[in-house]
Amino acid sequence: MKPETTSQRQNQSELFRNRLDQILDHKHPLYQLAKKIDWGKFEKEFGKHYTEKTGRPGLPIRLLVGLHYLKYAYNVSDEGVVEKYLENPYWQYFCGNEYFEHDFPCDPTSLVKWRKRIGSEGVEKFLEETILLGQREGQITHQEFTRVNVDTTVQEKAITFPTDAKLYHKARHTLVE
């Protein structure tokens, strides 16, 4: 089922709470980034993966996209991003919360299920929007796309190291021929 939008009744209970945008530093990078991202584009792109009326209401798309951005930006696990979300008001604002929450936003397995739901095409759209935002903000230039640096220190290589058995086999093979 599609994610629910906040109702007027829910907002009445928040009357005496401070809004995050009123207490956070507006110069913080995550605060500014949250204002620059086109969240509607993600709603439109990923909203097609939800059914209209059957099942439990889904988690907000902005929350899931925001948690995934933070997960990869800060190199934390699914469990780590959910735990840090709980204690960081900037992360909560970035993910679309109006008020500070004291509960976990979702179970870490929800992030895995959502990645499976959107598939590799959805992840590519997410990466594409991240790159486009970097270009719009002048953080990435066109020249940076002409050359790719790849760190291959952890990739498998087709290198073999000489051992006694290999040397004996090579010597035997050479003598027999």
N, C-alpha and C. Protein backbone atom coordinates (compact mmCIF):
# COMPACT_ATOMS: atom_id res chain seq x y z
N MET A 1 0.84 -1.17 0.00
CA MET A 1 0.00 0.00 0.00
C MET A 1 0.89 1.24 0.00
N LYS A 2 0.41 2.29 -0.61
CA LYS A 2 1.19 3.52 -0.68
C LYS A 2 1.37 4.12 0.72
N PRO A 3 2.48 4.85 0.92
CA PRO A 3 2.70 5.50 2.22
C PRO A 3 1.61 6.53 2.51
N GLU A 4 1.26 6.66 3.78
CA GLU A 4 0.25 7.62 4.18
C GLU A 4 0.87 9.01 4.29
N THR A 5 0.05 10.02 4.04
CA THR A 5 0.47 11.39 4.29
C THR A 5 -0.05 11.78 5.66
N THR A 6 0.57 12.76 6.30
CA THR A 6 0.14 13.15 7.64
C THR A 6 -1.22 13.81 7.58
N SER A 7 -2.04 13.48 8.54
CA SER A 7 -3.39 14.05 8.57
C SER A 7 -3.43 15.23 9.53
N GLN A 8 -4.51 15.98 9.47
CA GLN A 8 -4.70 17.13 10.34
C GLN A 8 -4.76 16.69 11.79
N ARG A 9 -5.36 15.55 12.06
CA ARG A 9 -5.49 15.05 13.43
C ARG A 9 -4.12 14.75 14.04
N GLN A 10 -3.21 14.21 13.25
CA GLN A 10 -1.87 13.93 13.76
C GLN A 10 -1.14 15.22 14.09
N ASN A 11 -1.33 16.25 13.29
CA ASN A 11 -0.64 17.51 13.50
C ASN A 11 -1.12 18.23 14.75
N GLN A 12 -2.36 18.02 15.19
CA GLN A 12 -2.87 18.69 16.39
C GLN A 12 -2.13 18.24 17.63
N SER A 13 -1.71 17.00 17.69
CA SER A 13 -0.98 16.52 18.87
C SER A 13 0.43 17.09 18.94
N GLU A 14 0.91 17.67 17.87
CA GLU A 14 2.26 18.23 17.82
C GLU A 14 2.28 19.73 18.12
N LEU A 15 1.19 20.26 18.61
CA LEU A 15 1.04 21.71 18.80
C LEU A 15 2.12 22.30 19.70
N PHE A 16 2.51 21.59 20.74
CA PHE A 16 3.45 22.16 21.70
C PHE A 16 4.88 21.65 21.55
N ARG A 17 5.16 20.98 20.47
CA ARG A 17 6.52 20.51 20.21
C ARG A 17 7.22 21.47 19.28
N ASN A 18 8.55 21.56 19.42
CA ASN A 18 9.34 22.42 18.53
C ASN A 18 9.61 21.69 17.22
N ARG A 19 9.44 22.41 16.14
CA ARG A 19 9.73 21.84 14.83
C ARG A 19 11.25 21.81 14.63
N LEU A 20 11.71 20.79 13.91
CA LEU A 20 13.15 20.65 13.68
C LEU A 20 13.71 21.82 12.89
N ASP A 21 12.96 22.33 11.92
CA ASP A 21 13.49 23.44 11.12
C ASP A 21 13.63 24.73 11.92
N GLN A 22 13.01 24.80 13.09
CA GLN A 22 13.14 25.98 13.94
C GLN A 22 14.33 25.89 14.89
N ILE A 23 14.80 24.69 15.18
CA ILE A 23 15.88 24.55 16.16
C ILE A 23 17.22 24.14 15.53
N LEU A 24 17.22 23.72 14.29
CA LEU A 24 18.47 23.28 13.65
C LEU A 24 19.20 24.45 13.02
N ASP A 25 20.51 24.29 12.87
CA ASP A 25 21.34 25.28 12.21
C ASP A 25 21.09 25.19 10.70
N HIS A 26 20.65 26.29 10.12
CA HIS A 26 20.31 26.30 8.69
C HIS A 26 21.56 26.25 7.80
N LYS A 27 22.73 26.38 8.39
CA LYS A 27 23.97 26.31 7.61
C LYS A 27 24.56 24.91 7.58
N HIS A 28 23.97 23.99 8.32
CA HIS A 28 24.48 22.61 8.36
C HIS A 28 24.33 21.98 6.98
N PRO A 29 25.34 21.22 6.52
CA PRO A 29 25.30 20.64 5.16
C PRO A 29 24.08 19.76 4.91
N LEU A 30 23.67 18.95 5.87
CA LEU A 30 22.51 18.09 5.66
C LEU A 30 21.22 18.90 5.58
N TYR A 31 21.13 19.97 6.34
CA TYR A 31 19.95 20.83 6.29
C TYR A 31 19.84 21.45 4.90
N GLN A 32 20.95 21.97 4.40
CA GLN A 32 20.95 22.59 3.08
C GLN A 32 20.70 21.57 1.98
N LEU A 33 21.29 20.39 2.10
CA LEU A 33 21.10 19.35 1.09
C LEU A 33 19.65 18.89 1.04
N ALA A 34 19.00 18.82 2.19
CA ALA A 34 17.59 18.41 2.23
C ALA A 34 16.72 19.39 1.45
N LYS A 35 17.09 20.65 1.44
CA LYS A 35 16.33 21.66 0.71
C LYS A 35 16.58 21.58 -0.80
N LYS A 36 17.74 21.07 -1.21
CA LYS A 36 18.12 21.07 -2.62
C LYS A 36 17.67 19.82 -3.38
N ILE A 37 17.42 18.74 -2.68
CA ILE A 37 17.04 17.49 -3.34
C ILE A 37 15.58 17.58 -3.79
N ASP A 38 15.33 17.11 -4.99
CA ASP A 38 13.97 17.06 -5.52
C ASP A 38 13.31 15.78 -5.02
N TRP A 39 12.68 15.84 -3.86
CA TRP A 39 12.07 14.65 -3.24
C TRP A 39 10.87 14.18 -4.04
N GLY A 40 10.19 15.09 -4.71
CA GLY A 40 9.03 14.71 -5.52
C GLY A 40 9.41 13.77 -6.65
N LYS A 41 10.60 13.93 -7.17
CA LYS A 41 11.08 13.05 -8.24
C LYS A 41 11.19 11.61 -7.73
N PHE A 42 11.67 11.45 -6.51
CA PHE A 42 11.75 10.11 -5.92
C PHE A 42 10.36 9.56 -5.63
N GLU A 43 9.46 10.41 -5.15
CA GLU A 43 8.08 9.97 -4.88
C GLU A 43 7.44 9.44 -6.16
N LYS A 44 7.66 10.17 -7.25
CA LYS A 44 7.08 9.77 -8.53
C LYS A 44 7.72 8.49 -9.06
N GLU A 45 9.03 8.41 -8.95
CA GLU A 45 9.76 7.26 -9.49
C GLU A 45 9.49 5.98 -8.70
N PHE A 46 9.53 6.07 -7.38
CA PHE A 46 9.40 4.88 -6.56
C PHE A 46 7.97 4.61 -6.12
N GLY A 47 7.07 5.56 -6.32
CA GLY A 47 5.68 5.36 -5.95
C GLY A 47 5.01 4.27 -6.77
N LYS A 48 5.53 4.00 -7.95
CA LYS A 48 4.93 2.97 -8.80
C LYS A 48 5.17 1.56 -8.26
N HIS A 49 6.05 1.43 -7.27
CA HIS A 49 6.33 0.12 -6.69
C HIS A 49 5.35 -0.23 -5.56
N TYR A 50 4.40 0.65 -5.30
CA TYR A 50 3.42 0.42 -4.24
C TYR A 50 2.05 0.17 -4.86
N THR A 51 1.24 -0.65 -4.20
CA THR A 51 -0.14 -0.86 -4.65
C THR A 51 -1.02 0.20 -4.01
N GLU A 52 -2.19 0.40 -4.59
CA GLU A 52 -3.07 1.46 -4.12
C GLU A 52 -3.72 1.17 -2.78
N LYS A 53 -4.39 0.02 -2.65
CA LYS A 53 -5.25 -0.16 -1.49
C LYS A 53 -5.02 -1.43 -0.68
N THR A 54 -4.17 -2.29 -1.11
CA THR A 54 -4.01 -3.55 -0.38
C THR A 54 -2.77 -3.52 0.50
N GLY A 55 -2.85 -4.16 1.64
CA GLY A 55 -1.70 -4.30 2.52
C GLY A 55 -1.55 -3.16 3.50
N ARG A 56 -0.50 -3.28 4.27
CA ARG A 56 -0.17 -2.28 5.28
C ARG A 56 0.40 -1.05 4.59
N PRO A 57 0.11 0.15 5.10
CA PRO A 57 0.70 1.35 4.49
C PRO A 57 2.22 1.29 4.54
N GLY A 58 2.84 1.68 3.45
CA GLY A 58 4.30 1.63 3.36
C GLY A 58 4.95 2.76 4.12
N LEU A 59 6.25 2.64 4.30
CA LEU A 59 7.03 3.70 4.92
C LEU A 59 7.16 4.84 3.92
N PRO A 60 7.28 6.08 4.41
CA PRO A 60 7.43 7.21 3.49
C PRO A 60 8.66 7.04 2.59
N ILE A 61 8.49 7.36 1.33
CA ILE A 61 9.57 7.19 0.36
C ILE A 61 10.75 8.10 0.70
N ARG A 62 10.45 9.32 1.16
CA ARG A 62 11.54 10.23 1.53
C ARG A 62 12.37 9.63 2.67
N LEU A 63 11.73 8.99 3.62
CA LEU A 63 12.45 8.36 4.73
C LEU A 63 13.39 7.29 4.20
N LEU A 64 12.91 6.44 3.32
CA LEU A 64 13.73 5.34 2.80
C LEU A 64 14.86 5.85 1.92
N VAL A 65 14.57 6.83 1.07
CA VAL A 65 15.62 7.40 0.22
C VAL A 65 16.66 8.10 1.09
N GLY A 66 16.19 8.87 2.07
CA GLY A 66 17.11 9.57 2.96
C GLY A 66 17.99 8.63 3.76
N LEU A 67 17.40 7.57 4.29
CA LEU A 67 18.19 6.60 5.05
C LEU A 67 19.24 5.93 4.17
N HIS A 68 18.89 5.64 2.92
CA HIS A 68 19.87 5.02 2.02
C HIS A 68 20.98 6.00 1.66
N TYR A 69 20.63 7.26 1.45
CA TYR A 69 21.67 8.26 1.18
C TYR A 69 22.63 8.34 2.35
N LEU A 70 22.09 8.45 3.56
CA LEU A 70 22.93 8.56 4.76
C LEU A 70 23.75 7.30 4.98
N LYS A 71 23.17 6.16 4.69
CA LYS A 71 23.87 4.88 4.85
C LYS A 71 25.14 4.86 4.01
N TYR A 72 25.03 5.27 2.75
CA TYR A 72 26.19 5.22 1.87
C TYR A 72 27.11 6.42 2.05
N ALA A 73 26.57 7.57 2.41
CA ALA A 73 27.40 8.75 2.61
C ALA A 73 28.29 8.60 3.84
N TYR A 74 27.78 7.97 4.88
CA TYR A 74 28.53 7.82 6.12
C TYR A 74 29.07 6.40 6.32
N ASN A 75 28.89 5.54 5.32
CA ASN A 75 29.44 4.19 5.32
C ASN A 75 29.07 3.41 6.58
N VAL A 76 27.77 3.30 6.82
CA VAL A 76 27.28 2.54 7.97
C VAL A 76 26.35 1.43 7.47
N SER A 77 26.10 0.47 8.32
CA SER A 77 25.23 -0.65 7.97
C SER A 77 23.76 -0.23 8.09
N ASP A 78 22.87 -1.12 7.70
CA ASP A 78 21.44 -0.84 7.85
C ASP A 78 21.09 -0.61 9.31
N GLU A 79 21.63 -1.45 10.19
CA GLU A 79 21.37 -1.28 11.62
C GLU A 79 21.96 0.03 12.12
N GLY A 80 23.16 0.36 11.66
CA GLY A 80 23.82 1.58 12.09
C GLY A 80 23.09 2.84 11.67
N VAL A 81 22.57 2.85 10.45
CA VAL A 81 21.88 4.04 9.98
C VAL A 81 20.58 4.26 10.75
N VAL A 82 19.90 3.18 11.11
CA VAL A 82 18.66 3.31 11.88
C VAL A 82 18.97 3.79 13.30
N GLU A 83 20.05 3.29 13.89
CA GLU A 83 20.42 3.72 15.24
C GLU A 83 20.87 5.18 15.27
N LYS A 84 21.69 5.58 14.29
CA LYS A 84 22.16 6.97 14.26
C LYS A 84 21.04 7.94 13.93
N TYR A 85 20.08 7.49 13.15
CA TYR A 85 18.92 8.31 12.84
C TYR A 85 18.20 8.70 14.13
N LEU A 86 18.12 7.78 15.05
CA LEU A 86 17.40 7.98 16.30
C LEU A 86 18.02 9.10 17.14
N GLU A 87 19.33 9.26 17.07
CA GLU A 87 20.00 10.23 17.93
C GLU A 87 20.42 11.51 17.23
N ASN A 88 20.23 11.62 15.93
CA ASN A 88 20.70 12.78 15.20
C ASN A 88 19.54 13.56 14.60
N PRO A 89 19.26 14.77 15.08
CA PRO A 89 18.13 15.54 14.53
C PRO A 89 18.34 15.97 13.08
N TYR A 90 19.59 16.15 12.66
CA TYR A 90 19.84 16.52 11.27
C TYR A 90 19.48 15.37 10.33
N TRP A 91 19.76 14.16 10.75
CA TRP A 91 19.39 12.99 9.95
C TRP A 91 17.88 12.88 9.88
N GLN A 92 17.20 13.15 10.99
CA GLN A 92 15.74 13.06 11.00
C GLN A 92 15.13 14.13 10.10
N TYR A 93 15.67 15.34 10.14
CA TYR A 93 15.16 16.39 9.26
C TYR A 93 15.42 16.04 7.80
N PHE A 94 16.61 15.52 7.52
CA PHE A 94 16.96 15.14 6.16
C PHE A 94 15.99 14.10 5.61
N CYS A 95 15.53 13.21 6.47
CA CYS A 95 14.62 12.13 6.05
C CYS A 95 13.16 12.56 6.08
N GLY A 96 12.88 13.83 6.35
CA GLY A 96 11.53 14.33 6.21
C GLY A 96 10.73 14.50 7.49
N ASN A 97 11.33 14.32 8.63
CA ASN A 97 10.59 14.51 9.88
C ASN A 97 10.44 15.99 10.20
N GLU A 98 9.29 16.36 10.69
CA GLU A 98 9.07 17.73 11.13
C GLU A 98 9.46 17.90 12.59
N TYR A 99 9.30 16.83 13.38
CA TYR A 99 9.56 16.87 14.81
C TYR A 99 10.54 15.77 15.16
N PHE A 100 11.28 15.98 16.26
CA PHE A 100 12.25 14.97 16.70
C PHE A 100 11.51 13.73 17.17
N GLU A 101 11.97 12.58 16.71
CA GLU A 101 11.36 11.30 17.06
C GLU A 101 12.23 10.56 18.07
N HIS A 102 11.59 9.83 18.97
CA HIS A 102 12.31 9.05 19.97
C HIS A 102 12.18 7.56 19.71
N ASP A 103 11.62 7.19 18.58
CA ASP A 103 11.45 5.79 18.21
C ASP A 103 12.19 5.52 16.90
N PHE A 104 12.55 4.26 16.71
CA PHE A 104 13.20 3.88 15.46
C PHE A 104 12.23 4.13 14.30
N PRO A 105 12.74 4.61 13.16
CA PRO A 105 11.85 4.90 12.04
C PRO A 105 11.31 3.63 11.38
N CYS A 106 12.12 2.57 11.42
CA CYS A 106 11.73 1.30 10.80
C CYS A 106 12.69 0.23 11.27
N ASP A 107 12.38 -0.98 10.94
CA ASP A 107 13.28 -2.09 11.22
C ASP A 107 14.37 -2.09 10.14
N PRO A 108 15.61 -2.40 10.49
CA PRO A 108 16.67 -2.43 9.46
C PRO A 108 16.36 -3.35 8.28
N THR A 109 15.59 -4.40 8.51
CA THR A 109 15.26 -5.30 7.40
C THR A 109 14.34 -4.63 6.38
N SER A 110 13.65 -3.57 6.80
CA SER A 110 12.80 -2.83 5.85
C SER A 110 13.63 -2.19 4.75
N LEU A 111 14.85 -1.80 5.08
CA LEU A 111 15.73 -1.21 4.07
C LEU A 111 16.13 -2.25 3.03
N VAL A 112 16.40 -3.46 3.49
CA VAL A 112 16.75 -4.55 2.57
C VAL A 112 15.57 -4.85 1.65
N LYS A 113 14.38 -4.96 2.24
CA LYS A 113 13.18 -5.26 1.45
C LYS A 113 12.90 -4.15 0.44
N TRP A 114 13.14 -2.90 0.83
CA TRP A 114 12.89 -1.79 -0.10
C TRP A 114 13.89 -1.81 -1.25
N ARG A 115 15.16 -2.13 -0.96
CA ARG A 115 16.15 -2.24 -2.04
C ARG A 115 15.75 -3.33 -3.02
N LYS A 116 15.24 -4.44 -2.51
CA LYS A 116 14.78 -5.51 -3.41
C LYS A 116 13.57 -5.05 -4.21
N ARG A 117 12.70 -4.27 -3.60
CA ARG A 117 11.49 -3.80 -4.27
C ARG A 117 11.83 -2.87 -5.43
N ILE A 118 12.76 -1.94 -5.22
CA ILE A 118 13.07 -0.99 -6.30
C ILE A 118 14.02 -1.60 -7.32
N GLY A 119 14.78 -2.62 -6.93
CA GLY A 119 15.66 -3.31 -7.87
C GLY A 119 16.86 -2.48 -8.28
N SER A 120 17.62 -3.01 -9.21
CA SER A 120 18.84 -2.33 -9.65
C SER A 120 18.51 -1.05 -10.42
N GLU A 121 17.37 -1.03 -11.12
CA GLU A 121 16.98 0.18 -11.85
C GLU A 121 16.71 1.33 -10.88
N GLY A 122 16.08 1.03 -9.77
CA GLY A 122 15.80 2.06 -8.77
C GLY A 122 17.06 2.60 -8.14
N VAL A 123 18.00 1.71 -7.88
CA VAL A 123 19.27 2.13 -7.30
C VAL A 123 20.03 3.00 -8.29
N GLU A 124 19.94 2.67 -9.59
CA GLU A 124 20.59 3.49 -10.61
C GLU A 124 19.95 4.87 -10.68
N LYS A 125 18.62 4.95 -10.55
CA LYS A 125 17.93 6.25 -10.54
C LYS A 125 18.39 7.07 -9.33
N PHE A 126 18.54 6.40 -8.20
CA PHE A 126 19.00 7.06 -6.99
C PHE A 126 20.41 7.63 -7.20
N LEU A 127 21.30 6.83 -7.78
CA LEU A 127 22.67 7.28 -8.07
C LEU A 127 22.66 8.41 -9.09
N GLU A 128 21.82 8.29 -10.11
CA GLU A 128 21.72 9.32 -11.15
C GLU A 128 21.32 10.66 -10.55
N GLU A 129 20.32 10.66 -9.68
CA GLU A 129 19.87 11.91 -9.07
C GLU A 129 20.95 12.49 -8.16
N THR A 130 21.69 11.63 -7.49
CA THR A 130 22.79 12.11 -6.64
C THR A 130 23.86 12.80 -7.48
N ILE A 131 24.19 12.21 -8.62
CA ILE A 131 25.20 12.80 -9.50
C ILE A 131 24.69 14.11 -10.10
N LEU A 132 23.43 14.13 -10.53
CA LEU A 132 22.86 15.36 -11.09
C LEU A 132 22.83 16.48 -10.07
N LEU A 133 22.53 16.16 -8.83
CA LEU A 133 22.54 17.17 -7.78
C LEU A 133 23.95 17.72 -7.58
N GLY A 134 24.94 16.84 -7.60
CA GLY A 134 26.32 17.29 -7.49
C GLY A 134 26.72 18.21 -8.63
N GLN A 135 26.23 17.93 -9.84
CA GLN A 135 26.52 18.79 -10.99
C GLN A 135 25.80 20.13 -10.85
N ARG A 136 24.53 20.10 -10.44
CA ARG A 136 23.77 21.35 -10.28
C ARG A 136 24.41 22.26 -9.24
N GLU A 137 24.96 21.68 -8.20
CA GLU A 137 25.55 22.47 -7.12
C GLU A 137 27.02 22.82 -7.38
N GLY A 138 27.57 22.35 -8.49
CA GLY A 138 28.95 22.66 -8.83
C GLY A 138 29.98 21.85 -8.06
N GLN A 139 29.56 20.78 -7.42
CA GLN A 139 30.49 19.92 -6.68
C GLN A 139 31.21 18.95 -7.62
N ILE A 140 30.58 18.64 -8.74
CA ILE A 140 31.15 17.72 -9.73
C ILE A 140 31.18 18.44 -11.07
N THR A 141 32.32 18.40 -11.73
CA THR A 141 32.42 19.01 -13.05
C THR A 141 32.35 17.93 -14.12
N HIS A 142 32.06 18.35 -15.35
CA HIS A 142 31.97 17.41 -16.46
C HIS A 142 33.31 16.71 -16.70
N GLN A 143 34.40 17.42 -16.45
CA GLN A 143 35.73 16.86 -16.67
C GLN A 143 36.00 15.66 -15.75
N GLU A 144 35.37 15.63 -14.60
CA GLU A 144 35.60 14.53 -13.66
C GLU A 144 35.01 13.21 -14.16
N PHE A 145 34.15 13.27 -15.17
CA PHE A 145 33.57 12.05 -15.72
C PHE A 145 34.38 11.46 -16.87
N THR A 146 35.44 12.15 -17.30
CA THR A 146 36.23 11.67 -18.42
C THR A 146 37.22 10.58 -18.01
N ARG A 147 37.56 10.53 -16.74
CA ARG A 147 38.54 9.54 -16.28
C ARG A 147 38.03 8.93 -14.98
N VAL A 148 38.17 7.63 -14.88
CA VAL A 148 37.73 6.92 -13.68
C VAL A 148 38.94 6.31 -12.99
N ASN A 149 39.07 6.59 -11.71
CA ASN A 149 40.12 5.97 -10.90
C ASN A 149 39.50 4.81 -10.15
N VAL A 150 40.09 3.64 -10.31
CA VAL A 150 39.58 2.45 -9.65
C VAL A 150 40.66 1.89 -8.74
N ASP A 151 40.33 1.70 -7.50
CA ASP A 151 41.26 1.10 -6.54
C ASP A 151 41.09 -0.41 -6.62
N THR A 152 42.13 -1.09 -7.09
CA THR A 152 42.04 -2.54 -7.29
C THR A 152 42.78 -3.32 -6.22
N THR A 153 43.01 -2.72 -5.08
CA THR A 153 43.79 -3.42 -4.06
C THR A 153 43.07 -4.63 -3.50
N VAL A 154 41.75 -4.67 -3.60
CA VAL A 154 41.03 -5.81 -3.04
C VAL A 154 40.40 -6.69 -4.11
N GLN A 155 40.67 -6.41 -5.37
CA GLN A 155 40.13 -7.24 -6.43
C GLN A 155 41.04 -8.43 -6.68
N GLU A 156 40.43 -9.52 -7.12
CA GLU A 156 41.22 -10.70 -7.44
C GLU A 156 42.08 -10.43 -8.67
N LYS A 157 43.28 -10.93 -8.62
CA LYS A 157 44.19 -10.73 -9.74
C LYS A 157 44.62 -12.10 -10.27
N ALA A 158 44.98 -12.14 -11.53
CA ALA A 158 45.42 -13.39 -12.16
C ALA A 158 46.93 -13.53 -11.99
N ILE A 159 47.38 -13.50 -10.75
CA ILE A 159 48.80 -13.61 -10.44
C ILE A 159 49.00 -14.87 -9.61
N THR A 160 50.01 -15.60 -9.96
CA THR A 160 50.33 -16.79 -9.18
C THR A 160 51.71 -16.62 -8.57
N PHE A 161 51.88 -17.11 -7.39
CA PHE A 161 53.15 -17.01 -6.71
C PHE A 161 53.87 -18.35 -6.80
N PRO A 162 55.17 -18.31 -7.05
CA PRO A 162 55.89 -19.59 -7.18
C PRO A 162 55.98 -20.32 -5.84
N THR A 163 55.60 -21.57 -5.89
CA THR A 163 55.78 -22.44 -4.73
C THR A 163 56.68 -23.59 -5.17
N ASP A 164 57.17 -24.34 -4.22
CA ASP A 164 58.08 -25.44 -4.55
C ASP A 164 57.42 -26.44 -5.49
N ALA A 165 56.18 -26.75 -5.26
CA ALA A 165 55.49 -27.74 -6.09
C ALA A 165 55.37 -27.24 -7.52
N LYS A 166 55.06 -25.96 -7.69
CA LYS A 166 54.95 -25.41 -9.05
C LYS A 166 56.30 -25.40 -9.74
N LEU A 167 57.35 -25.05 -8.99
CA LEU A 167 58.69 -25.02 -9.58
C LEU A 167 59.14 -26.43 -9.97
N TYR A 168 58.87 -27.42 -9.12
CA TYR A 168 59.21 -28.81 -9.46
C TYR A 168 58.45 -29.27 -10.70
N HIS A 169 57.17 -28.91 -10.77
CA HIS A 169 56.36 -29.31 -11.92
C HIS A 169 56.89 -28.66 -13.20
N LYS A 170 57.25 -27.39 -13.11
CA LYS A 170 57.77 -26.68 -14.28
C LYS A 170 59.11 -27.29 -14.72
N ALA A 171 59.98 -27.59 -13.77
CA ALA A 171 61.28 -28.20 -14.10
C ALA A 171 61.09 -29.58 -14.70
N ARG A 172 60.19 -30.39 -14.14
CA ARG A 172 59.92 -31.72 -14.67
C ARG A 172 59.36 -31.62 -16.08
N HIS A 173 58.44 -30.68 -16.29
CA HIS A 173 57.83 -30.50 -17.60
C HIS A 173 58.88 -30.09 -18.62
N THR A 174 59.82 -29.22 -18.24
CA THR A 174 60.87 -28.77 -19.14
C THR A 174 61.83 -29.92 -19.47
N LEU A 175 62.19 -30.75 -18.50
CA LEU A 175 63.12 -31.86 -18.73
C LEU A 175 62.50 -32.95 -19.60
N VAL A 176 61.21 -33.20 -19.46
CA VAL A 176 60.55 -34.25 -20.22
C VAL A 176 60.45 -33.85 -21.69
N GLU A 177 60.30 -32.64 -21.98
CA GLU A 177 60.16 -32.19 -23.37
C GLU A 177 61.48 -32.16 -24.00
